[in-house]
Amino acid sequence: MPRTTDTRERMVKTAARLFRRQGYAATGWRQVVADGATPWGSQSHHFPGGKEQLATEALAFAGRRYERLIRSGLAGVHPADFVTAWADLAAAELAASGWADGCPVATVALETAHESEPLARVCDAALRSWRDALAEAIAANGATAADARRLATFVIAAIEGGLLLARARRSAEPLLIVGGELRAVLDRACPRASR
């Protein structure tokens, strides 16, 4: 018999994956329970606040996971190289998923932020944490703190826009273009030290 924390964690991870792929409205409790291989009734036991509570926790989980990936990817790497690699990887993953798996946060933010304050807050917090990770790396490579925050915001917006265009076009090209343009911007903003 699975432990209670395992069941809850499995439901959160399953919901995060489903929200990334199909959004909030298209993801129902029955699918979360079935795909997560959890017992029926666990949804009301673990998430008395309903689907919105589950979504809030799933998006927070996805946001933390991506922040760790961003920080790990930036370790010891110039931000321009990281952003190019990020765009390349996002394009490859999107193509491999049949153009279904976009950003784990943006899909829900676009759909719900205008009507759900808790979901808007958790999406904003996730996106800000990614921006902050990038801004720290950009500042560590020579930009002022204010310029680093602006550039990091620009990077997040460009990657998210590239994901949207790539999904709509069913082509990696928009993301690859974005990655190349961001590389040039970050190389100018953070000149590499002469060796």
Foldseek 3Di string as FASTA:
>chain_A
DDDLVLLLVLLLQLVLQCCQQPNLVVDDPVCSCVVSVHDPVSCCVNPVVPSLSSLLSSLLVLLVVVLVVLLVLLVPDQLLVSLLVVLVVQLVVCLVVQNGRHRSLVSHCVVPLVPDVSSVVSSVVSLVSQLVSQLVNLVVLPADSVVSSVLSVVSSVQQNVLSVVCSVVVHSVSSNVSSVVNSVVSCVSRPDDDD
